[in-house]
Amino acid sequence: DELWVVLVDEPGYPGFCRVVWKAHAKEMTDLAADERLRLMDWVWRAEAAIRQTMRPAKINLASLGNVVPHLHWHVIPRFEDDAHFPSPIWAAPRREAPARAWP
């Protein structure tokens, strides 16, 4: 009832999820302590599911909200051959990446 876990359609990054708090909040400290724990529990659940399913080299967790000031976390599986690795996916690409599908 408090949040969504959304599978993002991001080309080159299958498995990319967002964990979005439903009620409007801009920052983690806008939430009560128990709400912060529930939100982060779902971020960690998404991370665990992606790790088990996709076996990435790394998981990136990010809470930016500069463009959309609504509390959400990005959970991004990373692979050493993805277009941006080891840089963030929002940086300039370093290479052309192989196609990778959601398993």
PDB file of N, CA and C in Angstrom:
ATOM      1  N   ASP A   1       0.805  -1.217   0.000  1.00  0.00           N
ATOM      2  CA  ASP A   1       0.000   0.000   0.000  1.00  0.00           C
ATOM      3  C   ASP A   1       0.844   1.275   0.000  1.00  0.00           C
ATOM      4  N   GLU A   2       2.105   1.163   0.428  1.00  0.00           N
ATOM      5  CA  GLU A   2       2.927   2.366   0.587  1.00  0.00           C
ATOM      6  C   GLU A   2       3.882   2.639  -0.567  1.00  0.00           C
ATOM      7  N   LEU A   3       4.156   1.614  -1.383  1.00  0.00           N
ATOM      8  CA  LEU A   3       5.161   1.804  -2.424  1.00  0.00           C
ATOM      9  C   LEU A   3       4.889   0.912  -3.619  1.00  0.00           C
ATOM     10  N   TRP A   4       5.590   1.220  -4.699  1.00  0.00           N
ATOM     11  CA  TRP A   4       5.578   0.390  -5.901  1.00  0.00           C
ATOM     12  C   TRP A   4       7.001  -0.079  -6.166  1.00  0.00           C
ATOM     13  N   VAL A   5       7.132  -1.260  -6.730  1.00  0.00           N
ATOM     14  CA  VAL A   5       8.393  -1.711  -7.317  1.00  0.00           C
ATOM     15  C   VAL A   5       8.112  -1.836  -8.806  1.00  0.00           C
ATOM     16  N   VAL A   6       8.818  -1.034  -9.595  1.00  0.00           N
ATOM     17  CA  VAL A   6       8.537  -0.912 -11.022  1.00  0.00           C
ATOM     18  C   VAL A   6       9.732  -1.422 -11.820  1.00  0.00           C
ATOM     19  N   LEU A   7       9.481  -2.308 -12.776  1.00  0.00           N
ATOM     20  CA  LEU A   7      10.514  -2.737 -13.705  1.00  0.00           C
ATOM     21  C   LEU A   7      10.602  -1.677 -14.802  1.00  0.00           C
ATOM     22  N   VAL A   8      11.761  -1.059 -14.939  1.00  0.00           N
ATOM     23  CA  VAL A   8      11.959   0.074 -15.843  1.00  0.00           C
ATOM     24  C   VAL A   8      12.347  -0.431 -17.226  1.00  0.00           C
ATOM     25  N   ASP A   9      11.783   0.173 -18.262  1.00  0.00           N
ATOM     26  CA  ASP A   9      12.156  -0.161 -19.636  1.00  0.00           C
ATOM     27  C   ASP A   9      13.322   0.742 -20.038  1.00  0.00           C
ATOM     28  N   GLU A  10      14.513   0.353 -19.649  1.00  0.00           N
ATOM     29  CA  GLU A  10      15.720   1.125 -19.942  1.00  0.00           C
ATOM     30  C   GLU A  10      16.586   0.315 -20.899  1.00  0.00           C
ATOM     31  N   PRO A  11      16.683   0.721 -22.170  1.00  0.00           N
ATOM     32  CA  PRO A  11      17.457  -0.051 -23.147  1.00  0.00           C
ATOM     33  C   PRO A  11      18.872  -0.324 -22.647  1.00  0.00           C
ATOM     34  N   GLY A  12      19.276  -1.573 -22.752  1.00  0.00           N
ATOM     35  CA  GLY A  12      20.603  -1.977 -22.324  1.00  0.00           C
ATOM     36  C   GLY A  12      20.708  -2.328 -20.853  1.00  0.00           C
ATOM     37  N   TYR A  13      19.621  -2.103 -20.108  1.00  0.00           N
ATOM     38  CA  TYR A  13      19.663  -2.359 -18.665  1.00  0.00           C
ATOM     39  C   TYR A  13      18.440  -3.141 -18.206  1.00  0.00           C
ATOM     40  N   PRO A  14      18.246  -4.352 -18.726  1.00  0.00           N
ATOM     41  CA  PRO A  14      17.136  -5.163 -18.231  1.00  0.00           C
ATOM     42  C   PRO A  14      17.344  -5.459 -16.747  1.00  0.00           C
ATOM     43  N   GLY A  15      16.262  -5.510 -16.031  1.00  0.00           N
ATOM     44  CA  GLY A  15      16.329  -5.740 -14.597  1.00  0.00           C
ATOM     45  C   GLY A  15      16.369  -4.461 -13.781  1.00  0.00           C
ATOM     46  N   PHE A  16      16.552  -3.316 -14.435  1.00  0.00           N
ATOM     47  CA  PHE A  16      16.558  -2.018 -13.759  1.00  0.00           C
ATOM     48  C   PHE A  16      15.187  -1.829 -13.120  1.00  0.00           C
ATOM     49  N   CYS A  17      15.177  -1.572 -11.823  1.00  0.00           N
ATOM     50  CA  CYS A  17      13.922  -1.353 -11.082  1.00  0.00           C
ATOM     51  C   CYS A  17      13.951  -0.008 -10.382  1.00  0.00           C
ATOM     52  N   ARG A  18      12.781   0.502 -10.105  1.00  0.00           N
ATOM     53  CA  ARG A  18      12.622   1.650  -9.210  1.00  0.00           C
ATOM     54  C   ARG A  18      11.712   1.232  -8.073  1.00  0.00           C
ATOM     55  N   VAL A  19      12.073   1.621  -6.888  1.00  0.00           N
ATOM     56  CA  VAL A  19      11.223   1.443  -5.715  1.00  0.00           C
ATOM     57  C   VAL A  19      10.732   2.840  -5.378  1.00  0.00           C
ATOM     58  N   VAL A  20       9.417   3.060  -5.534  1.00  0.00           N
ATOM     59  CA  VAL A  20       8.826   4.396  -5.454  1.00  0.00           C
ATOM     60  C   VAL A  20       7.887   4.468  -4.259  1.00  0.00           C
ATOM     61  N   TRP A  21       8.121   5.436  -3.392  1.00  0.00           N
ATOM     62  CA  TRP A  21       7.227   5.694  -2.273  1.00  0.00           C
ATOM     63  C   TRP A  21       5.992   6.394  -2.823  1.00  0.00           C
ATOM     64  N   LYS A  22       4.797   5.879  -2.513  1.00  0.00           N
ATOM     65  CA  LYS A  22       3.567   6.415  -3.102  1.00  0.00           C
ATOM     66  C   LYS A  22       3.226   7.830  -2.616  1.00  0.00           C
ATOM     67  N   ALA A  23       3.283   8.053  -1.322  1.00  0.00           N
ATOM     68  CA  ALA A  23       2.961   9.387  -0.796  1.00  0.00           C
ATOM     69  C   ALA A  23       4.083  10.351  -1.172  1.00  0.00           C
ATOM     70  N   HIS A  24       3.718  11.605  -1.437  1.00  0.00           N
ATOM     71  CA  HIS A  24       4.750  12.557  -1.836  1.00  0.00           C
ATOM     72  C   HIS A  24       5.713  12.834  -0.684  1.00  0.00           C
ATOM     73  N   ALA A  25       6.983  12.623  -0.952  1.00  0.00           N
ATOM     74  CA  ALA A  25       8.070  12.951  -0.041  1.00  0.00           C
ATOM     75  C   ALA A  25       9.283  13.223  -0.907  1.00  0.00           C
ATOM     76  N   LYS A  26      10.056  14.228  -0.553  1.00  0.00           N
ATOM     77  CA  LYS A  26      11.247  14.557  -1.334  1.00  0.00           C
ATOM     78  C   LYS A  26      12.503  13.883  -0.819  1.00  0.00           C
ATOM     79  N   GLU A  27      12.585  13.674   0.485  1.00  0.00           N
ATOM     80  CA  GLU A  27      13.807  13.161   1.089  1.00  0.00           C
ATOM     81  C   GLU A  27      13.488  12.011   2.035  1.00  0.00           C
ATOM     82  N   MET A  28      14.472  11.161   2.276  1.00  0.00           N
ATOM     83  CA  MET A  28      14.296  10.044   3.202  1.00  0.00           C
ATOM     84  C   MET A  28      13.882  10.543   4.590  1.00  0.00           C
ATOM     85  N   THR A  29      14.405  11.688   5.009  1.00  0.00           N
ATOM     86  CA  THR A  29      14.082  12.209   6.338  1.00  0.00           C
ATOM     87  C   THR A  29      12.689  12.808   6.421  1.00  0.00           C
ATOM     88  N   ASP A  30      11.972  12.856   5.290  1.00  0.00           N
ATOM     89  CA  ASP A  30      10.554  13.238   5.335  1.00  0.00           C
ATOM     90  C   ASP A  30       9.703  12.079   5.850  1.00  0.00           C
ATOM     91  N   LEU A  31      10.254  10.874   5.844  1.00  0.00           N
ATOM     92  CA  LEU A  31       9.528   9.689   6.307  1.00  0.00           C
ATOM     93  C   LEU A  31       9.802   9.443   7.785  1.00  0.00           C
ATOM     94  N   ALA A  32       8.855   8.794   8.434  1.00  0.00           N
ATOM     95  CA  ALA A  32       9.082   8.332   9.802  1.00  0.00           C
ATOM     96  C   ALA A  32      10.104   7.201   9.770  1.00  0.00           C
ATOM     97  N   ALA A  33      10.748   6.949  10.888  1.00  0.00           N
ATOM     98  CA  ALA A  33      11.798   5.925  10.950  1.00  0.00           C
ATOM     99  C   ALA A  33      11.300   4.562  10.474  1.00  0.00           C
ATOM    100  N   ASP A  34      10.090   4.169  10.883  1.00  0.00           N
ATOM    101  CA  ASP A  34       9.572   2.861  10.463  1.00  0.00           C
ATOM    102  C   ASP A  34       9.263   2.840   8.965  1.00  0.00           C
ATOM    103  N   GLU A  35       8.850   3.964   8.387  1.00  0.00           N
ATOM    104  CA  GLU A  35       8.607   4.035   6.943  1.00  0.00           C
ATOM    105  C   GLU A  35       9.924   3.914   6.178  1.00  0.00           C
ATOM    106  N   ARG A  36      10.973   4.559   6.674  1.00  0.00           N
ATOM    107  CA  ARG A  36      12.287   4.453   6.028  1.00  0.00           C
ATOM    108  C   ARG A  36      12.754   3.004   6.009  1.00  0.00           C
ATOM    109  N   LEU A  37      12.550   2.301   7.113  1.00  0.00           N
ATOM    110  CA  LEU A  37      12.948   0.895   7.168  1.00  0.00           C
ATOM    111  C   LEU A  37      12.160   0.047   6.181  1.00  0.00           C
ATOM    112  N   ARG A  38      10.861   0.285   6.071  1.00  0.00           N
ATOM    113  CA  ARG A  38      10.048  -0.491   5.114  1.00  0.00           C
ATOM    114  C   ARG A  38      10.473  -0.190   3.680  1.00  0.00           C
ATOM    115  N   LEU A  39      10.715   1.063   3.369  1.00  0.00           N
ATOM    116  CA  LEU A  39      11.164   1.419   2.023  1.00  0.00           C
ATOM    117  C   LEU A  39      12.490   0.731   1.702  1.00  0.00           C
ATOM    118  N   MET A  40      13.456   0.831   2.608  1.00  0.00           N
ATOM    119  CA  MET A  40      14.758   0.224   2.344  1.00  0.00           C
ATOM    120  C   MET A  40      14.669  -1.293   2.308  1.00  0.00           C
ATOM    121  N   ASP A  41      13.763  -1.885   3.069  1.00  0.00           N
ATOM    122  CA  ASP A  41      13.570  -3.334   2.996  1.00  0.00           C
ATOM    123  C   ASP A  41      13.204  -3.741   1.575  1.00  0.00           C
ATOM    124  N   TRP A  42      12.361  -2.959   0.913  1.00  0.00           N
ATOM    125  CA  TRP A  42      11.972  -3.291  -0.463  1.00  0.00           C
ATOM    126  C   TRP A  42      13.095  -3.001  -1.462  1.00  0.00           C
ATOM    127  N   VAL A  43      13.910  -1.995  -1.192  1.00  0.00           N
ATOM    128  CA  VAL A  43      15.101  -1.769  -2.031  1.00  0.00           C
ATOM    129  C   VAL A  43      16.003  -2.993  -1.939  1.00  0.00           C
ATOM    130  N   TRP A  44      16.223  -3.491  -0.729  1.00  0.00           N
ATOM    131  CA  TRP A  44      17.086  -4.661  -0.541  1.00  0.00           C
ATOM    132  C   TRP A  44      16.459  -5.913  -1.126  1.00  0.00           C
ATOM    133  N   ARG A  45      15.134  -6.052  -1.063  1.00  0.00           N
ATOM    134  CA  ARG A  45      14.475  -7.204  -1.687  1.00  0.00           C
ATOM    135  C   ARG A  45      14.666  -7.178  -3.205  1.00  0.00           C
ATOM    136  N   ALA A  46      14.509  -5.988  -3.801  1.00  0.00           N
ATOM    137  CA  ALA A  46      14.712  -5.867  -5.249  1.00  0.00           C
ATOM    138  C   ALA A  46      16.157  -6.217  -5.607  1.00  0.00           C
ATOM    139  N   GLU A  47      17.108  -5.702  -4.825  1.00  0.00           N
ATOM    140  CA  GLU A  47      18.513  -6.020  -5.071  1.00  0.00           C
ATOM    141  C   GLU A  47      18.752  -7.528  -5.006  1.00  0.00           C
ATOM    142  N   ALA A  48      18.236  -8.170  -3.982  1.00  0.00           N
ATOM    143  CA  ALA A  48      18.443  -9.616  -3.812  1.00  0.00           C
ATOM    144  C   ALA A  48      17.848 -10.398  -4.976  1.00  0.00           C
ATOM    145  N   ALA A  49      16.658 -10.022  -5.414  1.00  0.00           N
ATOM    146  CA  ALA A  49      16.011 -10.725  -6.525  1.00  0.00           C
ATOM    147  C   ALA A  49      16.809 -10.567  -7.818  1.00  0.00           C
ATOM    148  N   ILE A  50      17.301  -9.350  -8.067  1.00  0.00           N
ATOM    149  CA  ILE A  50      18.095  -9.106  -9.276  1.00  0.00           C
ATOM    150  C   ILE A  50      19.405  -9.892  -9.218  1.00  0.00           C
ATOM    151  N   ARG A  51      20.052  -9.885  -8.059  1.00  0.00           N
ATOM    152  CA  ARG A  51      21.316 -10.624  -7.925  1.00  0.00           C
ATOM    153  C   ARG A  51      21.100 -12.112  -8.168  1.00  0.00           C
ATOM    154  N   GLN A  52      20.048 -12.657  -7.607  1.00  0.00           N
ATOM    155  CA  GLN A  52      19.780 -14.085  -7.762  1.00  0.00           C
ATOM    156  C   GLN A  52      19.419 -14.429  -9.201  1.00  0.00           C
ATOM    157  N   THR A  53      18.651 -13.572  -9.846  1.00  0.00           N
ATOM    158  CA  THR A  53      18.149 -13.849 -11.189  1.00  0.00           C
ATOM    159  C   THR A  53      19.170 -13.566 -12.283  1.00  0.00           C
ATOM    160  N   MET A  54      19.889 -12.456 -12.154  1.00  0.00           N
ATOM    161  CA  MET A  54      20.736 -11.994 -13.254  1.00  0.00           C
ATOM    162  C   MET A  54      22.233 -12.171 -13.034  1.00  0.00           C
ATOM    163  N   ARG A  55      22.650 -12.355 -11.805  1.00  0.00           N
ATOM    164  CA  ARG A  55      24.070 -12.514 -11.473  1.00  0.00           C
ATOM    165  C   ARG A  55      24.937 -11.366 -12.016  1.00  0.00           C
ATOM    166  N   PRO A  56      24.592 -10.109 -11.725  1.00  0.00           N
ATOM    167  CA  PRO A  56      25.391  -8.990 -12.228  1.00  0.00           C
ATOM    168  C   PRO A  56      26.735  -8.889 -11.506  1.00  0.00           C
ATOM    169  N   ALA A  57      27.657  -8.145 -12.100  1.00  0.00           N
ATOM    170  CA  ALA A  57      28.949  -7.893 -11.461  1.00  0.00           C
ATOM    171  C   ALA A  57      28.776  -6.979 -10.257  1.00  0.00           C
ATOM    172  N   LYS A  58      27.764  -6.104 -10.303  1.00  0.00           N
ATOM    173  CA  LYS A  58      27.535  -5.100  -9.271  1.00  0.00           C
ATOM    174  C   LYS A  58      26.088  -4.658  -9.340  1.00  0.00           C
ATOM    175  N   ILE A  59      25.571  -4.176  -8.221  1.00  0.00           N
ATOM    176  CA  ILE A  59      24.263  -3.517  -8.188  1.00  0.00           C
ATOM    177  C   ILE A  59      24.510  -2.071  -7.808  1.00  0.00           C
ATOM    178  N   ASN A  60      23.945  -1.136  -8.554  1.00  0.00           N
ATOM    179  CA  ASN A  60      23.999   0.272  -8.175  1.00  0.00           C
ATOM    180  C   ASN A  60      22.678   0.649  -7.542  1.00  0.00           C
ATOM    181  N   LEU A  61      22.756   1.317  -6.409  1.00  0.00           N
ATOM    182  CA  LEU A  61      21.584   1.875  -5.738  1.00  0.00           C
ATOM    183  C   LEU A  61      21.736   3.382  -5.770  1.00  0.00           C
ATOM    184  N   ALA A  62      20.671   4.076  -6.185  1.00  0.00           N
ATOM    185  CA  ALA A  62      20.747   5.529  -6.268  1.00  0.00           C
ATOM    186  C   ALA A  62      19.410   6.139  -5.903  1.00  0.00           C
ATOM    187  N   SER A  63      19.484   7.212  -5.142  1.00  0.00           N
ATOM    188  CA  SER A  63      18.305   8.011  -4.853  1.00  0.00           C
ATOM    189  C   SER A  63      18.680   9.437  -5.199  1.00  0.00           C
ATOM    190  N   LEU A  64      18.254   9.876  -6.370  1.00  0.00           N
ATOM    191  CA  LEU A  64      18.653  11.190  -6.864  1.00  0.00           C
ATOM    192  C   LEU A  64      17.513  12.194  -6.715  1.00  0.00           C
ATOM    193  N   GLY A  65      16.506  12.081  -7.548  1.00  0.00           N
ATOM    194  CA  GLY A  65      15.344  12.946  -7.430  1.00  0.00           C
ATOM    195  C   GLY A  65      15.566  14.390  -7.810  1.00  0.00           C
ATOM    196  N   ASN A  66      16.600  14.682  -8.580  1.00  0.00           N
ATOM    197  CA  ASN A  66      16.825  16.067  -8.983  1.00  0.00           C
ATOM    198  C   ASN A  66      15.826  16.513 -10.042  1.00  0.00           C
ATOM    199  N   VAL A  67      15.471  15.632 -10.949  1.00  0.00           N
ATOM    200  CA  VAL A  67      14.512  15.964 -12.001  1.00  0.00           C
ATOM    201  C   VAL A  67      13.091  15.758 -11.492  1.00  0.00           C
ATOM    202  N   VAL A  68      12.867  14.647 -10.805  1.00  0.00           N
ATOM    203  CA  VAL A  68      11.554  14.343 -10.224  1.00  0.00           C
ATOM    204  C   VAL A  68      11.737  14.306  -8.710  1.00  0.00           C
ATOM    205  N   PRO A  69      11.394  15.397  -7.992  1.00  0.00           N
ATOM    206  CA  PRO A  69      11.623  15.440  -6.554  1.00  0.00           C
ATOM    207  C   PRO A  69      10.579  14.645  -5.770  1.00  0.00           C
ATOM    208  N   HIS A  70      10.542  13.359  -6.049  1.00  0.00           N
ATOM    209  CA  HIS A  70       9.628  12.429  -5.378  1.00  0.00           C
ATOM    210  C   HIS A  70      10.482  11.230  -4.974  1.00  0.00           C
ATOM    211  N   LEU A  71      10.385  10.834  -3.732  1.00  0.00           N
ATOM    212  CA  LEU A  71      11.261   9.817  -3.177  1.00  0.00           C
ATOM    213  C   LEU A  71      11.150   8.495  -3.935  1.00  0.00           C
ATOM    214  N   HIS A  72      12.278   8.075  -4.515  1.00  0.00           N
ATOM    215  CA  HIS A  72      12.362   6.792  -5.209  1.00  0.00           C
ATOM    216  C   HIS A  72      13.819   6.356  -5.235  1.00  0.00           C
ATOM    217  N   TRP A  73      14.016   5.043  -5.322  1.00  0.00           N
ATOM    218  CA  TRP A  73      15.343   4.456  -5.396  1.00  0.00           C
ATOM    219  C   TRP A  73      15.489   3.705  -6.710  1.00  0.00           C
ATOM    220  N   HIS A  74      16.631   3.870  -7.344  1.00  0.00           N
ATOM    221  CA  HIS A  74      16.983   3.108  -8.549  1.00  0.00           C
ATOM    222  C   HIS A  74      17.781   1.885  -8.095  1.00  0.00           C
ATOM    223  N   VAL A  75      17.435   0.726  -8.613  1.00  0.00           N
ATOM    224  CA  VAL A  75      18.148  -0.518  -8.333  1.00  0.00           C
ATOM    225  C   VAL A  75      18.587  -1.049  -9.698  1.00  0.00           C
ATOM    226  N   ILE A  76      19.888  -0.959  -9.966  1.00  0.00           N
ATOM    227  CA  ILE A  76      20.380  -1.152 -11.333  1.00  0.00           C
ATOM    228  C   ILE A  76      21.429  -2.262 -11.385  1.00  0.00           C
ATOM    229  N   PRO A  77      21.127  -3.364 -12.091  1.00  0.00           N
ATOM    230  CA  PRO A  77      22.157  -4.389 -12.266  1.00  0.00           C
ATOM    231  C   PRO A  77      23.216  -3.884 -13.253  1.00  0.00           C
ATOM    232  N   ARG A  78      24.474  -4.122 -12.898  1.00  0.00           N
ATOM    233  CA  ARG A  78      25.577  -3.671 -13.738  1.00  0.00           C
ATOM    234  C   ARG A  78      26.432  -4.859 -14.150  1.00  0.00           C
ATOM    235  N   PHE A  79      26.927  -4.788 -15.370  1.00  0.00           N
ATOM    236  CA  PHE A  79      27.773  -5.834 -15.932  1.00  0.00           C
ATOM    237  C   PHE A  79      29.030  -5.177 -16.484  1.00  0.00           C
ATOM    238  N   GLU A  80      30.149  -5.878 -16.398  1.00  0.00           N
ATOM    239  CA  GLU A  80      31.411  -5.300 -16.839  1.00  0.00           C
ATOM    240  C   GLU A  80      31.431  -4.939 -18.309  1.00  0.00           C
ATOM    241  N   ASP A  81      30.531  -5.537 -19.103  1.00  0.00           N
ATOM    242  CA  ASP A  81      30.487  -5.209 -20.533  1.00  0.00           C
ATOM    243  C   ASP A  81      29.320  -4.287 -20.883  1.00  0.00           C
ATOM    244  N   ASP A  82      28.638  -3.712 -19.867  1.00  0.00           N
ATOM    245  CA  ASP A  82      27.550  -2.781 -20.229  1.00  0.00           C
ATOM    246  C   ASP A  82      28.159  -1.489 -20.777  1.00  0.00           C
ATOM    247  N   ALA A  83      27.360  -0.690 -21.410  1.00  0.00           N
ATOM    248  CA  ALA A  83      27.856   0.469 -22.162  1.00  0.00           C
ATOM    249  C   ALA A  83      28.566   1.507 -21.300  1.00  0.00           C
ATOM    250  N   HIS A  84      28.289   1.536 -20.017  1.00  0.00           N
ATOM    251  CA  HIS A  84      28.824   2.592 -19.170  1.00  0.00           C
ATOM    252  C   HIS A  84      29.806   2.122 -18.094  1.00  0.00           C
ATOM    253  N   PHE A  85      29.878   0.821 -17.844  1.00  0.00           N
ATOM    254  CA  PHE A  85      30.676   0.294 -16.729  1.00  0.00           C
ATOM    255  C   PHE A  85      32.134   0.723 -16.838  1.00  0.00           C
ATOM    256  N   PRO A  86      32.770   1.185 -15.786  1.00  0.00           N
ATOM    257  CA  PRO A  86      32.321   1.258 -14.409  1.00  0.00           C
ATOM    258  C   PRO A  86      31.654   2.577 -14.038  1.00  0.00           C
ATOM    259  N   SER A  87      31.442   3.451 -14.997  1.00  0.00           N
ATOM    260  CA  SER A  87      30.787   4.732 -14.716  1.00  0.00           C
ATOM    261  C   SER A  87      29.296   4.540 -14.455  1.00  0.00           C
ATOM    262  N   PRO A  88      28.634   5.543 -13.888  1.00  0.00           N
ATOM    263  CA  PRO A  88      27.177   5.466 -13.723  1.00  0.00           C
ATOM    264  C   PRO A  88      26.488   5.385 -15.081  1.00  0.00           C
ATOM    265  N   ILE A  89      25.295   4.826 -15.112  1.00  0.00           N
ATOM    266  CA  ILE A  89      24.604   4.678 -16.398  1.00  0.00           C
ATOM    267  C   ILE A  89      24.198   6.015 -16.995  1.00  0.00           C
ATOM    268  N   TRP A  90      24.254   7.076 -16.221  1.00  0.00           N
ATOM    269  CA  TRP A  90      23.892   8.403 -16.722  1.00  0.00           C
ATOM    270  C   TRP A  90      25.095   9.132 -17.309  1.00  0.00           C
ATOM    271  N   ALA A  91      26.282   8.525 -17.256  1.00  0.00           N
ATOM    272  CA  ALA A  91      27.489   9.114 -17.840  1.00  0.00           C
ATOM    273  C   ALA A  91      27.518   8.821 -19.346  1.00  0.00           C
ATOM    274  N   ALA A  92      28.503   9.370 -20.009  1.00  0.00           N
ATOM    275  CA  ALA A  92      28.686   9.075 -21.432  1.00  0.00           C
ATOM    276  C   ALA A  92      29.059   7.603 -21.580  1.00  0.00           C
ATOM    277  N   PRO A  93      28.519   6.926 -22.597  1.00  0.00           N
ATOM    278  CA  PRO A  93      28.869   5.516 -22.797  1.00  0.00           C
ATOM    279  C   PRO A  93      30.352   5.356 -23.125  1.00  0.00           C
ATOM    280  N   ARG A  94      30.903   4.241 -22.712  1.00  0.00           N
ATOM    281  CA  ARG A  94      32.310   3.922 -22.955  1.00  0.00           C
ATOM    282  C   ARG A  94      32.486   2.958 -24.120  1.00  0.00           C
ATOM    283  N   ARG A  95      31.419   2.223 -24.435  1.00  0.00           N
ATOM    284  CA  ARG A  95      31.511   1.176 -25.459  1.00  0.00           C
ATOM    285  C   ARG A  95      30.100   0.825 -25.921  1.00  0.00           C
ATOM    286  N   GLU A  96      30.030   0.084 -26.993  1.00  0.00           N
ATOM    287  CA  GLU A  96      28.762  -0.512 -27.395  1.00  0.00           C
ATOM    288  C   GLU A  96      28.617  -1.801 -26.602  1.00  0.00           C
ATOM    289  N   ALA A  97      27.448  -1.984 -26.024  1.00  0.00           N
ATOM    290  CA  ALA A  97      27.236  -3.149 -25.168  1.00  0.00           C
ATOM    291  C   ALA A  97      26.534  -4.263 -25.929  1.00  0.00           C
ATOM    292  N   PRO A  98      26.794  -5.497 -25.545  1.00  0.00           N
ATOM    293  CA  PRO A  98      26.056  -6.605 -26.142  1.00  0.00           C
ATOM    294  C   PRO A  98      24.607  -6.573 -25.680  1.00  0.00           C
ATOM    295  N   ALA A  99      23.732  -7.134 -26.477  1.00  0.00           N
ATOM    296  CA  ALA A  99      22.317  -7.223 -26.101  1.00  0.00           C
ATOM    297  C   ALA A  99      22.195  -8.134 -24.886  1.00  0.00           C
ATOM    298  N   ARG A 100      21.377  -7.727 -23.956  1.00  0.00           N
ATOM    299  CA  ARG A 100      21.161  -8.535 -22.755  1.00  0.00           C
ATOM    300  C   ARG A 100      19.658  -8.527 -22.494  1.00  0.00           C
ATOM    301  N   ALA A 101      19.075  -9.693 -22.371  1.00  0.00           N
ATOM    302  CA  ALA A 101      17.644  -9.802 -22.166  1.00  0.00           C
ATOM    303  C   ALA A 101      17.340 -10.163 -20.714  1.00  0.00           C
ATOM    304  N   TRP A 102      16.156  -9.816 -20.301  1.00  0.00           N
ATOM    305  CA  TRP A 102      15.681 -10.229 -18.978  1.00  0.00           C
ATOM    306  C   TRP A 102      15.509 -11.741 -19.007  1.00  0.00           C
ATOM    307  N   PRO A 103      16.114 -12.446 -18.051  1.00  0.00           N
ATOM    308  CA  PRO A 103      16.021 -13.921 -18.092  1.00  0.00           C
ATOM    309  C   PRO A 103      14.625 -14.432 -17.791  1.00  0.00           C
TER     310      PRO A 103
END
